Amino acid sequence: MFLRKILMASLLLGGATITVAQESRFGTPATQADIDKRFWSTFPDGENLPDGQGTAMLGKPLFEEQCTICHGTPEARGENDVLFGGHGTIGTDKALATVGSYWPYATTVFNYIRKAMPYTAPMSMTNSEYYSITAYLLYENGIIGEGDVINKETLPDVKMPNAGNFIMAYPEVPEEYSIQK
């Protein structure tokens, strides 16, 4: 239909070429706010963490509602990536890379969860809900306490069990520019 309109316009104008903007017929156009919330990265030192806060106690029901269908619970594995346990298995024949055994930074756990989860609706929850789910995962992996508040000030200070086992890709980076703490 659109191509036919261009051909008709071209014939009426004696073969002159015209340019016509086509409107999308799918969904709604993204607003600047939609674009802004998707194009950012949180760095290991916490740069670009958003406002909000959460605790494991608040995160448990959110995790049960949003995440267990794929990931299971601390007691029972789900169909996809296991998030609990695996402590001490990295570097062995039975390595199990989980939040508690593999990830080097709590900030990048939050960043990944916020950008990619839940699988069917990424970025559909509030920052506080994402902080709460992150807190729940950290708590169930024995990294923080159940009532510890996680936010942009406290999350960068969380020490992950496997943080020291990663090798810097660029070891010559001067210390003042290093994100290693």
C-alpha atoms as a PDB file:
ATOM      1  CA  MET A   1       0.000   0.000   0.000  1.00  0.00           C
ATOM      2  CA  PHE A   2       2.744   2.441   0.990  1.00  0.00           C
ATOM      3  CA  LEU A   3       4.824   1.600  -2.100  1.00  0.00           C
ATOM      4  CA  ARG A   4       1.754   2.119  -4.312  1.00  0.00           C
ATOM      5  CA  LYS A   5       1.298   5.633  -2.855  1.00  0.00           C
ATOM      6  CA  ILE A   6       4.923   6.497  -3.651  1.00  0.00           C
ATOM      7  CA  LEU A   7       4.571   5.204  -7.216  1.00  0.00           C
ATOM      8  CA  MET A   8       1.366   7.217  -7.708  1.00  0.00           C
ATOM      9  CA  ALA A   9       3.037  10.358  -6.354  1.00  0.00           C
ATOM     10  CA  SER A  10       6.004   9.761  -8.623  1.00  0.00           C
ATOM     11  CA  LEU A  11       3.757   9.412 -11.691  1.00  0.00           C
ATOM     12  CA  LEU A  12       1.773  12.524 -10.811  1.00  0.00           C
ATOM     13  CA  LEU A  13       4.964  14.549 -10.401  1.00  0.00           C
ATOM     14  CA  GLY A  14       6.313  13.460 -13.788  1.00  0.00           C
ATOM     15  CA  GLY A  15       8.693  10.853 -12.412  1.00  0.00           C
ATOM     16  CA  ALA A  16      10.300  13.190  -9.891  1.00  0.00           C
ATOM     17  CA  THR A  17      11.687  11.458  -6.846  1.00  0.00           C
ATOM     18  CA  ILE A  18      10.084  12.285  -3.523  1.00  0.00           C
ATOM     19  CA  THR A  19      10.888  11.189  -0.014  1.00  0.00           C
ATOM     20  CA  VAL A  20       8.081  10.246   2.334  1.00  0.00           C
ATOM     21  CA  ALA A  21       8.552   9.343   6.000  1.00  0.00           C
ATOM     22  CA  GLN A  22       6.875   6.107   6.951  1.00  0.00           C
ATOM     23  CA  GLU A  23       5.294   5.760  10.378  1.00  0.00           C
ATOM     24  CA  SER A  24       5.736   2.552  12.296  1.00  0.00           C
ATOM     25  CA  ARG A  25       2.655   0.414  12.677  1.00  0.00           C
ATOM     26  CA  PHE A  26       4.082  -1.544  15.622  1.00  0.00           C
ATOM     27  CA  GLY A  27       3.861  -0.578  19.301  1.00  0.00           C
ATOM     28  CA  THR A  28       4.328   2.982  20.436  1.00  0.00           C
ATOM     29  CA  PRO A  29       7.336   5.204  19.829  1.00  0.00           C
ATOM     30  CA  ALA A  30       9.913   5.207  22.623  1.00  0.00           C
ATOM     31  CA  THR A  31       9.948   8.334  24.750  1.00  0.00           C
ATOM     32  CA  GLN A  32      13.205   9.956  25.802  1.00  0.00           C
ATOM     33  CA  ALA A  33      12.591   8.597  29.322  1.00  0.00           C
ATOM     34  CA  ASP A  34      12.332   5.049  27.887  1.00  0.00           C
ATOM     35  CA  ILE A  35      15.611   5.517  26.039  1.00  0.00           C
ATOM     36  CA  ASP A  36      17.386   7.091  29.019  1.00  0.00           C
ATOM     37  CA  LYS A  37      16.563   4.229  31.377  1.00  0.00           C
ATOM     38  CA  ARG A  38      17.938   1.618  28.989  1.00  0.00           C
ATOM     39  CA  PHE A  39      21.183   3.206  27.848  1.00  0.00           C
ATOM     40  CA  TRP A  40      23.377   3.144  30.924  1.00  0.00           C
ATOM     41  CA  SER A  41      25.756   0.757  32.558  1.00  0.00           C
ATOM     42  CA  THR A  42      26.560   0.306  36.204  1.00  0.00           C
ATOM     43  CA  PHE A  43      30.261  -0.154  36.812  1.00  0.00           C
ATOM     44  CA  PRO A  44      31.852  -2.354  39.494  1.00  0.00           C
ATOM     45  CA  ASP A  45      32.593   0.711  41.640  1.00  0.00           C
ATOM     46  CA  GLY A  46      28.868   1.604  41.650  1.00  0.00           C
ATOM     47  CA  GLU A  47      29.005   4.454  39.154  1.00  0.00           C
ATOM     48  CA  ASN A  48      25.539   4.975  37.631  1.00  0.00           C
ATOM     49  CA  LEU A  49      23.612   2.994  40.237  1.00  0.00           C
ATOM     50  CA  PRO A  50      20.072   4.398  40.403  1.00  0.00           C
ATOM     51  CA  ASP A  51      18.142   5.625  43.427  1.00  0.00           C
ATOM     52  CA  GLY A  52      16.095   3.119  45.398  1.00  0.00           C
ATOM     53  CA  GLN A  53      16.774   0.511  48.068  1.00  0.00           C
ATOM     54  CA  GLY A  54      15.816  -2.967  49.134  1.00  0.00           C
ATOM     55  CA  THR A  55      16.351  -5.820  51.577  1.00  0.00           C
ATOM     56  CA  ALA A  56      16.338  -9.607  51.311  1.00  0.00           C
ATOM     57  CA  MET A  57      13.077  -9.711  53.283  1.00  0.00           C
ATOM     58  CA  LEU A  58      11.416  -7.551  50.621  1.00  0.00           C
ATOM     59  CA  GLY A  59      13.145  -9.432  47.822  1.00  0.00           C
ATOM     60  CA  LYS A  60      12.031 -12.948  48.753  1.00  0.00           C
ATOM     61  CA  PRO A  61       8.367 -12.591  47.675  1.00  0.00           C
ATOM     62  CA  LEU A  62       9.445 -10.715  44.530  1.00  0.00           C
ATOM     63  CA  PHE A  63      11.896 -13.488  43.670  1.00  0.00           C
ATOM     64  CA  GLU A  64       9.227 -16.136  44.278  1.00  0.00           C
ATOM     65  CA  GLU A  65       6.804 -14.282  42.016  1.00  0.00           C
ATOM     66  CA  GLN A  66       9.175 -13.208  39.245  1.00  0.00           C
ATOM     67  CA  CYS A  67      12.131 -15.609  39.194  1.00  0.00           C
ATOM     68  CA  THR A  68      11.446 -19.110  40.537  1.00  0.00           C
ATOM     69  CA  ILE A  69       9.723 -20.281  37.365  1.00  0.00           C
ATOM     70  CA  CYS A  70      13.132 -20.269  35.645  1.00  0.00           C
ATOM     71  CA  HIS A  71      15.703 -20.252  38.437  1.00  0.00           C
ATOM     72  CA  GLY A  72      14.090 -22.343  41.157  1.00  0.00           C
ATOM     73  CA  THR A  73      14.732 -21.745  44.858  1.00  0.00           C
ATOM     74  CA  PRO A  74      17.701 -22.241  47.189  1.00  0.00           C
ATOM     75  CA  GLU A  75      16.260 -25.713  47.918  1.00  0.00           C
ATOM     76  CA  ALA A  76      15.332 -26.766  44.360  1.00  0.00           C
ATOM     77  CA  ARG A  77      17.021 -25.966  41.056  1.00  0.00           C
ATOM     78  CA  GLY A  78      15.094 -24.425  38.227  1.00  0.00           C
ATOM     79  CA  GLU A  79      15.318 -25.156  34.518  1.00  0.00           C
ATOM     80  CA  ASN A  80      17.796 -22.351  33.821  1.00  0.00           C
ATOM     81  CA  ASP A  81      20.843 -20.817  35.477  1.00  0.00           C
ATOM     82  CA  VAL A  82      21.303 -21.866  39.076  1.00  0.00           C
ATOM     83  CA  LEU A  83      21.701 -18.842  41.341  1.00  0.00           C
ATOM     84  CA  PHE A  84      22.413 -20.463  44.706  1.00  0.00           C
ATOM     85  CA  GLY A  85      25.244 -22.528  46.132  1.00  0.00           C
ATOM     86  CA  GLY A  86      28.362 -23.587  44.285  1.00  0.00           C
ATOM     87  CA  HIS A  87      30.647 -22.203  46.978  1.00  0.00           C
ATOM     88  CA  GLY A  88      34.171 -23.534  46.563  1.00  0.00           C
ATOM     89  CA  THR A  89      33.461 -25.256  43.243  1.00  0.00           C
ATOM     90  CA  ILE A  90      35.078 -22.735  40.886  1.00  0.00           C
ATOM     91  CA  GLY A  91      38.343 -24.209  39.600  1.00  0.00           C
ATOM     92  CA  THR A  92      37.167 -27.790  40.190  1.00  0.00           C
ATOM     93  CA  ASP A  93      35.753 -30.403  37.821  1.00  0.00           C
ATOM     94  CA  LYS A  94      32.283 -29.731  39.246  1.00  0.00           C
ATOM     95  CA  ALA A  95      32.301 -25.936  38.957  1.00  0.00           C
ATOM     96  CA  LEU A  96      28.929 -24.302  39.531  1.00  0.00           C
ATOM     97  CA  ALA A  97      28.956 -20.609  38.639  1.00  0.00           C
ATOM     98  CA  THR A  98      26.325 -18.880  40.786  1.00  0.00           C
ATOM     99  CA  VAL A  99      25.838 -15.431  42.287  1.00  0.00           C
ATOM    100  CA  GLY A 100      27.653 -16.589  45.411  1.00  0.00           C
ATOM    101  CA  SER A 101      30.440 -18.595  43.837  1.00  0.00           C
ATOM    102  CA  TYR A 102      31.386 -16.746  40.671  1.00  0.00           C
ATOM    103  CA  TRP A 103      30.325 -13.115  40.270  1.00  0.00           C
ATOM    104  CA  PRO A 104      33.091 -10.680  41.251  1.00  0.00           C
ATOM    105  CA  TYR A 105      30.949  -7.583  41.972  1.00  0.00           C
ATOM    106  CA  ALA A 106      27.526  -7.161  43.575  1.00  0.00           C
ATOM    107  CA  THR A 107      26.975  -4.050  41.445  1.00  0.00           C
ATOM    108  CA  THR A 108      27.213  -6.044  38.222  1.00  0.00           C
ATOM    109  CA  VAL A 109      24.762  -8.621  39.614  1.00  0.00           C
ATOM    110  CA  PHE A 110      22.274  -5.757  40.123  1.00  0.00           C
ATOM    111  CA  ASN A 111      23.080  -4.309  36.688  1.00  0.00           C
ATOM    112  CA  TYR A 112      22.451  -7.621  34.938  1.00  0.00           C
ATOM    113  CA  ILE A 113      19.230  -8.363  36.819  1.00  0.00           C
ATOM    114  CA  ARG A 114      17.869  -4.884  36.140  1.00  0.00           C
ATOM    115  CA  LYS A 115      18.672  -4.962  32.430  1.00  0.00           C
ATOM    116  CA  ALA A 116      17.674  -8.541  31.655  1.00  0.00           C
ATOM    117  CA  MET A 117      15.072  -9.773  34.147  1.00  0.00           C
ATOM    118  CA  PRO A 118      12.437 -10.950  34.382  1.00  0.00           C
ATOM    119  CA  TYR A 119      13.055 -12.705  31.087  1.00  0.00           C
ATOM    120  CA  THR A 120       9.601 -11.938  29.728  1.00  0.00           C
ATOM    121  CA  ALA A 121       9.614  -8.268  30.788  1.00  0.00           C
ATOM    122  CA  PRO A 122      13.104  -6.813  31.396  1.00  0.00           C
ATOM    123  CA  MET A 123      13.223  -3.493  33.243  1.00  0.00           C
ATOM    124  CA  SER A 124       9.562  -3.782  34.188  1.00  0.00           C
ATOM    125  CA  MET A 125      10.057  -3.407  37.949  1.00  0.00           C
ATOM    126  CA  THR A 126      11.107  -0.457  40.084  1.00  0.00           C
ATOM    127  CA  ASN A 127      14.703   0.156  41.115  1.00  0.00           C
ATOM    128  CA  SER A 128      13.752  -0.730  44.694  1.00  0.00           C
ATOM    129  CA  GLU A 129      12.316  -4.060  43.545  1.00  0.00           C
ATOM    130  CA  TYR A 130      15.551  -4.816  41.676  1.00  0.00           C
ATOM    131  CA  TYR A 131      17.613  -3.848  44.737  1.00  0.00           C
ATOM    132  CA  SER A 132      15.412  -6.160  46.844  1.00  0.00           C
ATOM    133  CA  ILE A 133      15.836  -9.132  44.499  1.00  0.00           C
ATOM    134  CA  THR A 134      19.594  -8.515  44.431  1.00  0.00           C
ATOM    135  CA  ALA A 135      19.620  -8.368  48.239  1.00  0.00           C
ATOM    136  CA  TYR A 136      17.697 -11.643  48.413  1.00  0.00           C
ATOM    137  CA  LEU A 137      20.206 -13.374  46.121  1.00  0.00           C
ATOM    138  CA  LEU A 138      23.134 -12.001  48.126  1.00  0.00           C
ATOM    139  CA  TYR A 139      21.496 -13.073  51.390  1.00  0.00           C
ATOM    140  CA  GLU A 140      20.682 -16.609  50.217  1.00  0.00           C
ATOM    141  CA  ASN A 141      24.300 -16.958  49.089  1.00  0.00           C
ATOM    142  CA  GLY A 142      25.544 -15.973  52.558  1.00  0.00           C
ATOM    143  CA  ILE A 143      27.029 -12.637  51.466  1.00  0.00           C
ATOM    144  CA  ILE A 144      24.835 -10.138  53.356  1.00  0.00           C
ATOM    145  CA  GLY A 145      22.400 -10.245  56.270  1.00  0.00           C
ATOM    146  CA  GLU A 146      18.647 -10.611  55.847  1.00  0.00           C
ATOM    147  CA  GLY A 147      17.919  -7.045  57.016  1.00  0.00           C
ATOM    148  CA  ASP A 148      20.879  -5.318  55.323  1.00  0.00           C
ATOM    149  CA  VAL A 149      19.738  -2.388  53.186  1.00  0.00           C
ATOM    150  CA  ILE A 150      21.103  -2.422  49.649  1.00  0.00           C
ATOM    151  CA  ASN A 151      21.207   0.848  47.696  1.00  0.00           C
ATOM    152  CA  LYS A 152      23.605   2.863  45.556  1.00  0.00           C
ATOM    153  CA  GLU A 153      25.751   3.710  48.597  1.00  0.00           C
ATOM    154  CA  THR A 154      25.920   0.228  50.186  1.00  0.00           C
ATOM    155  CA  LEU A 155      25.972  -2.109  47.182  1.00  0.00           C
ATOM    156  CA  PRO A 156      29.484  -1.153  45.979  1.00  0.00           C
ATOM    157  CA  ASP A 157      30.843  -2.071  49.440  1.00  0.00           C
ATOM    158  CA  VAL A 158      29.540  -5.650  49.297  1.00  0.00           C
ATOM    159  CA  LYS A 159      32.502  -8.033  49.044  1.00  0.00           C
ATOM    160  CA  MET A 160      31.841 -10.976  46.773  1.00  0.00           C
ATOM    161  CA  PRO A 161      33.536 -14.288  47.651  1.00  0.00           C
ATOM    162  CA  ASN A 162      35.172 -14.745  44.237  1.00  0.00           C
ATOM    163  CA  ALA A 163      36.226 -11.135  43.572  1.00  0.00           C
ATOM    164  CA  GLY A 164      39.912 -11.878  44.083  1.00  0.00           C
ATOM    165  CA  ASN A 165      39.979 -14.637  41.473  1.00  0.00           C
ATOM    166  CA  PHE A 166      39.522 -12.444  38.427  1.00  0.00           C
ATOM    167  CA  ILE A 167      42.464 -11.195  36.374  1.00  0.00           C
ATOM    168  CA  MET A 168      42.519  -7.614  35.125  1.00  0.00           C
ATOM    169  CA  ALA A 169      42.421  -7.534  31.317  1.00  0.00           C
ATOM    170  CA  TYR A 170      44.624  -4.425  31.369  1.00  0.00           C
ATOM    171  CA  PRO A 171      47.020  -4.835  34.315  1.00  0.00           C
ATOM    172  CA  GLU A 172      49.042  -1.748  33.363  1.00  0.00           C
ATOM    173  CA  VAL A 173      46.165   0.590  34.241  1.00  0.00           C
ATOM    174  CA  PRO A 174      47.445   3.086  36.822  1.00  0.00           C
ATOM    175  CA  GLU A 175      46.027   2.452  40.313  1.00  0.00           C
ATOM    176  CA  GLU A 176      44.089   5.736  40.393  1.00  0.00           C
ATOM    177  CA  TYR A 177      42.076   4.536  37.367  1.00  0.00           C
ATOM    178  CA  SER A 178      41.574   0.988  38.589  1.00  0.00           C
ATOM    179  CA  ILE A 179      38.143  -0.189  39.665  1.00  0.00           C
ATOM    180  CA  GLN A 180      39.697  -2.809  41.934  1.00  0.00           C
ATOM    181  CA  LYS A 181      39.280  -1.856  45.580  1.00  0.00           C
END
